[in-house]
């Protein structure tokens, strides 16, 4: 079972609102990889809003897990740890290589009509489609 459409709409609106407020109050783009990256590198004097944002994302996920448990795939331990670590590394590498992540480019960049962000988002989407096709075709995973 998936999350009802109206809840997805509300979630999307909240992400848009959070992005707009972050830009208004802090003059910053809602790019999660950049926000977390600055925390990890400890290169920032504006840690409070970054920590608050990350805490809000984690808390929101935990709340969603209790409100809509079916929104999360079952965690049967089928995926080997090495594969999960490699996938996480590739996502991080892609965020660095693409100068941002889907939230920065897809949510904020497109709304600012950034040509670079539009191209980056199209690349993310195309790569995701090719990856799903390859995994289903060569590994037989997915529905």
C-alpha atoms as a PDB file:
ATOM      1  CA  UNK A   1       0.000   0.000   0.000  1.00  0.00           C
ATOM      2  CA  UNK A   2       1.315   3.454  -0.802  1.00  0.00           C
ATOM      3  CA  UNK A   3       0.764   6.827   0.758  1.00  0.00           C
ATOM      4  CA  UNK A   4      -2.539   8.377  -0.364  1.00  0.00           C
ATOM      5  CA  UNK A   5      -2.199  11.019  -3.103  1.00  0.00           C
ATOM      6  CA  UNK A   6      -3.548  13.817  -0.916  1.00  0.00           C
ATOM      7  CA  UNK A   7      -0.825  13.121   1.665  1.00  0.00           C
ATOM      8  CA  UNK A   8       1.831  13.183  -1.056  1.00  0.00           C
ATOM      9  CA  UNK A   9       0.466  16.540  -2.127  1.00  0.00           C
ATOM     10  CA  UNK A  10       0.620  17.836   1.435  1.00  0.00           C
ATOM     11  CA  UNK A  11       4.161  16.496   1.824  1.00  0.00           C
ATOM     12  CA  UNK A  12       5.246  18.170  -1.409  1.00  0.00           C
ATOM     13  CA  UNK A  13       3.681  21.450  -0.338  1.00  0.00           C
ATOM     14  CA  UNK A  14       5.506  21.264   3.001  1.00  0.00           C
ATOM     15  CA  UNK A  15       8.825  20.654   1.233  1.00  0.00           C
ATOM     16  CA  UNK A  16       8.123  23.668  -0.985  1.00  0.00           C
ATOM     17  CA  UNK A  17       7.211  25.794   2.020  1.00  0.00           C
ATOM     18  CA  UNK A  18      10.335  24.707   3.914  1.00  0.00           C
ATOM     19  CA  UNK A  19      12.461  25.517   0.862  1.00  0.00           C
ATOM     20  CA  UNK A  20      10.923  28.963   0.525  1.00  0.00           C
ATOM     21  CA  UNK A  21      11.320  29.729   4.234  1.00  0.00           C
ATOM     22  CA  UNK A  22      14.947  28.585   4.255  1.00  0.00           C
ATOM     23  CA  UNK A  23      15.643  30.869   1.303  1.00  0.00           C
ATOM     24  CA  UNK A  24      13.760  33.759   2.914  1.00  0.00           C
ATOM     25  CA  UNK A  25      15.208  33.464   6.419  1.00  0.00           C
ATOM     26  CA  UNK A  26      18.736  32.252   5.654  1.00  0.00           C
ATOM     27  CA  UNK A  27      19.257  32.989   1.954  1.00  0.00           C
ATOM     28  CA  UNK A  28      20.111  29.307   1.439  1.00  0.00           C
ATOM     29  CA  UNK A  29      19.078  26.645  -1.039  1.00  0.00           C
ATOM     30  CA  UNK A  30      17.305  23.578   0.361  1.00  0.00           C
ATOM     31  CA  UNK A  31      19.955  21.149  -0.897  1.00  0.00           C
ATOM     32  CA  UNK A  32      20.161  18.357   1.644  1.00  0.00           C
ATOM     33  CA  UNK A  33      23.507  16.997   0.428  1.00  0.00           C
ATOM     34  CA  UNK A  34      25.113  20.420   0.817  1.00  0.00           C
ATOM     35  CA  UNK A  35      23.498  20.986   4.207  1.00  0.00           C
ATOM     36  CA  UNK A  36      24.650  17.615   5.549  1.00  0.00           C
ATOM     37  CA  UNK A  37      28.033  17.902   3.806  1.00  0.00           C
ATOM     38  CA  UNK A  38      28.779  21.163   5.598  1.00  0.00           C
ATOM     39  CA  UNK A  39      27.880  19.538   8.924  1.00  0.00           C
ATOM     40  CA  UNK A  40      30.130  16.559   8.265  1.00  0.00           C
ATOM     41  CA  UNK A  41      33.035  18.761   7.196  1.00  0.00           C
ATOM     42  CA  UNK A  42      32.504  21.026  10.227  1.00  0.00           C
ATOM     43  CA  UNK A  43      33.205  24.005   7.975  1.00  0.00           C
ATOM     44  CA  UNK A  44      30.290  26.093   9.018  1.00  0.00           C
ATOM     45  CA  UNK A  45      29.447  28.589  11.696  1.00  0.00           C
ATOM     46  CA  UNK A  46      25.715  28.243  10.963  1.00  0.00           C
ATOM     47  CA  UNK A  47      25.340  24.769  12.440  1.00  0.00           C
ATOM     48  CA  UNK A  48      22.116  25.410  14.381  1.00  0.00           C
ATOM     49  CA  UNK A  49      19.715  25.689  11.437  1.00  0.00           C
ATOM     50  CA  UNK A  50      21.507  22.839   9.642  1.00  0.00           C
ATOM     51  CA  UNK A  51      21.206  20.549  12.673  1.00  0.00           C
ATOM     52  CA  UNK A  52      17.569  21.586  13.143  1.00  0.00           C
ATOM     53  CA  UNK A  53      16.771  20.809   9.518  1.00  0.00           C
ATOM     54  CA  UNK A  54      18.432  17.374   9.617  1.00  0.00           C
ATOM     55  CA  UNK A  55      16.713  16.592  12.939  1.00  0.00           C
ATOM     56  CA  UNK A  56      13.383  17.587  11.379  1.00  0.00           C
ATOM     57  CA  UNK A  57      13.966  15.308   8.384  1.00  0.00           C
ATOM     58  CA  UNK A  58      14.823  12.352  10.617  1.00  0.00           C
ATOM     59  CA  UNK A  59      11.920  13.055  12.994  1.00  0.00           C
ATOM     60  CA  UNK A  60       9.522  13.374  10.063  1.00  0.00           C
ATOM     61  CA  UNK A  61      10.648   9.981   8.767  1.00  0.00           C
ATOM     62  CA  UNK A  62      10.169   8.377  12.162  1.00  0.00           C
ATOM     63  CA  UNK A  63       6.681   9.876  12.507  1.00  0.00           C
ATOM     64  CA  UNK A  64       5.756   8.709   8.983  1.00  0.00           C
ATOM     65  CA  UNK A  65       6.922   5.190   9.884  1.00  0.00           C
ATOM     66  CA  UNK A  66       4.336   5.087  12.679  1.00  0.00           C
ATOM     67  CA  UNK A  67       1.535   6.886  10.807  1.00  0.00           C
ATOM     68  CA  UNK A  68       1.908   4.992   7.489  1.00  0.00           C
ATOM     69  CA  UNK A  69       4.010   1.876   8.134  1.00  0.00           C
ATOM     70  CA  UNK A  70       3.052   0.456   4.724  1.00  0.00           C
ATOM     71  CA  UNK A  71       4.833   3.369   3.030  1.00  0.00           C
ATOM     72  CA  UNK A  72       8.150   1.699   3.833  1.00  0.00           C
ATOM     73  CA  UNK A  73       9.324  -1.491   2.159  1.00  0.00           C
ATOM     74  CA  UNK A  74       9.692  -4.509   4.394  1.00  0.00           C
ATOM     75  CA  UNK A  75      13.097  -4.774   6.010  1.00  0.00           C
ATOM     76  CA  UNK A  76      13.779  -8.461   5.709  1.00  0.00           C
ATOM     77  CA  UNK A  77      17.533  -8.029   5.425  1.00  0.00           C
ATOM     78  CA  UNK A  78      17.561  -9.266   1.830  1.00  0.00           C
ATOM     79  CA  UNK A  79      20.016  -6.635   0.609  1.00  0.00           C
ATOM     80  CA  UNK A  80      23.641  -7.322   1.569  1.00  0.00           C
ATOM     81  CA  UNK A  81      25.309  -4.639   3.678  1.00  0.00           C
ATOM     82  CA  UNK A  82      28.092  -4.185   1.104  1.00  0.00           C
ATOM     83  CA  UNK A  83      25.503  -3.418  -1.574  1.00  0.00           C
ATOM     84  CA  UNK A  84      23.831  -0.817   0.659  1.00  0.00           C
ATOM     85  CA  UNK A  85      27.169   0.831   1.460  1.00  0.00           C
ATOM     86  CA  UNK A  86      28.109   0.892  -2.233  1.00  0.00           C
ATOM     87  CA  UNK A  87      24.731   2.399  -3.154  1.00  0.00           C
ATOM     88  CA  UNK A  88      25.131   5.101  -0.498  1.00  0.00           C
ATOM     89  CA  UNK A  89      28.647   5.869  -1.723  1.00  0.00           C
ATOM     90  CA  UNK A  90      27.440   6.172  -5.317  1.00  0.00           C
ATOM     91  CA  UNK A  91      24.618   8.521  -4.315  1.00  0.00           C
ATOM     92  CA  UNK A  92      27.065  10.684  -2.375  1.00  0.00           C
ATOM     93  CA  UNK A  93      29.549  10.649  -5.241  1.00  0.00           C
ATOM     94  CA  UNK A  94      26.803  11.611  -7.681  1.00  0.00           C
ATOM     95  CA  UNK A  95      25.730  14.504  -5.469  1.00  0.00           C
ATOM     96  CA  UNK A  96      29.283  15.840  -5.386  1.00  0.00           C
ATOM     97  CA  UNK A  97      29.797  15.261  -9.108  1.00  0.00           C
ATOM     98  CA  UNK A  98      26.461  16.918  -9.939  1.00  0.00           C
ATOM     99  CA  UNK A  99      27.122  19.865  -7.622  1.00  0.00           C
ATOM    100  CA  UNK A 100      23.995  19.079  -5.651  1.00  0.00           C
ATOM    101  CA  UNK A 101      21.234  16.606  -5.017  1.00  0.00           C
ATOM    102  CA  UNK A 102      17.650  16.165  -6.107  1.00  0.00           C
ATOM    103  CA  UNK A 103      16.351  18.513  -3.431  1.00  0.00           C
ATOM    104  CA  UNK A 104      18.702  21.325  -4.369  1.00  0.00           C
ATOM    105  CA  UNK A 105      18.382  20.948  -8.127  1.00  0.00           C
ATOM    106  CA  UNK A 106      14.913  19.420  -8.447  1.00  0.00           C
ATOM    107  CA  UNK A 107      13.005  21.407  -5.859  1.00  0.00           C
ATOM    108  CA  UNK A 108      14.884  24.690  -5.648  1.00  0.00           C
ATOM    109  CA  UNK A 109      16.788  24.921  -8.911  1.00  0.00           C
ATOM    110  CA  UNK A 110      13.868  24.213 -11.222  1.00  0.00           C
ATOM    111  CA  UNK A 111      11.670  26.683  -9.339  1.00  0.00           C
ATOM    112  CA  UNK A 112      14.355  29.320  -9.987  1.00  0.00           C
ATOM    113  CA  UNK A 113      14.468  28.322 -13.684  1.00  0.00           C
ATOM    114  CA  UNK A 114      18.135  27.332 -13.362  1.00  0.00           C
ATOM    115  CA  UNK A 115      19.226  25.760 -16.643  1.00  0.00           C
ATOM    116  CA  UNK A 116      21.932  23.780 -14.828  1.00  0.00           C
ATOM    117  CA  UNK A 117      19.390  22.409 -12.345  1.00  0.00           C
ATOM    118  CA  UNK A 118      16.908  21.478 -15.083  1.00  0.00           C
ATOM    119  CA  UNK A 119      19.624  19.524 -16.913  1.00  0.00           C
ATOM    120  CA  UNK A 120      20.811  17.927 -13.643  1.00  0.00           C
ATOM    121  CA  UNK A 121      17.263  16.862 -12.735  1.00  0.00           C
ATOM    122  CA  UNK A 122      16.690  15.395 -16.198  1.00  0.00           C
ATOM    123  CA  UNK A 123      19.957  13.472 -15.760  1.00  0.00           C
ATOM    124  CA  UNK A 124      18.869  12.181 -12.320  1.00  0.00           C
ATOM    125  CA  UNK A 125      15.548  11.000 -13.720  1.00  0.00           C
ATOM    126  CA  UNK A 126      17.078   9.348 -16.797  1.00  0.00           C
ATOM    127  CA  UNK A 127      19.732   7.616 -14.703  1.00  0.00           C
ATOM    128  CA  UNK A 128      17.074   6.371 -12.295  1.00  0.00           C
ATOM    129  CA  UNK A 129      14.986   4.974 -15.164  1.00  0.00           C
ATOM    130  CA  UNK A 130      18.001   3.203 -16.695  1.00  0.00           C
ATOM    131  CA  UNK A 131      18.965   1.806 -13.290  1.00  0.00           C
ATOM    132  CA  UNK A 132      15.468   0.416 -12.642  1.00  0.00           C
ATOM    133  CA  UNK A 133      15.397  -1.130 -16.112  1.00  0.00           C
ATOM    134  CA  UNK A 134      18.860  -2.689 -15.643  1.00  0.00           C
ATOM    135  CA  UNK A 135      18.101  -4.081 -12.184  1.00  0.00           C
ATOM    136  CA  UNK A 136      14.788  -5.578 -13.333  1.00  0.00           C
ATOM    137  CA  UNK A 137      16.289  -6.962 -16.539  1.00  0.00           C
ATOM    138  CA  UNK A 138      19.592  -8.339 -15.283  1.00  0.00           C
ATOM    139  CA  UNK A 139      18.850  -9.170 -11.667  1.00  0.00           C
ATOM    140  CA  UNK A 140      15.128  -9.946 -11.796  1.00  0.00           C
ATOM    141  CA  UNK A 141      14.294  -7.599  -8.922  1.00  0.00           C
ATOM    142  CA  UNK A 142      11.228  -5.401  -8.673  1.00  0.00           C
ATOM    143  CA  UNK A 143       7.619  -5.758  -9.614  1.00  0.00           C
END
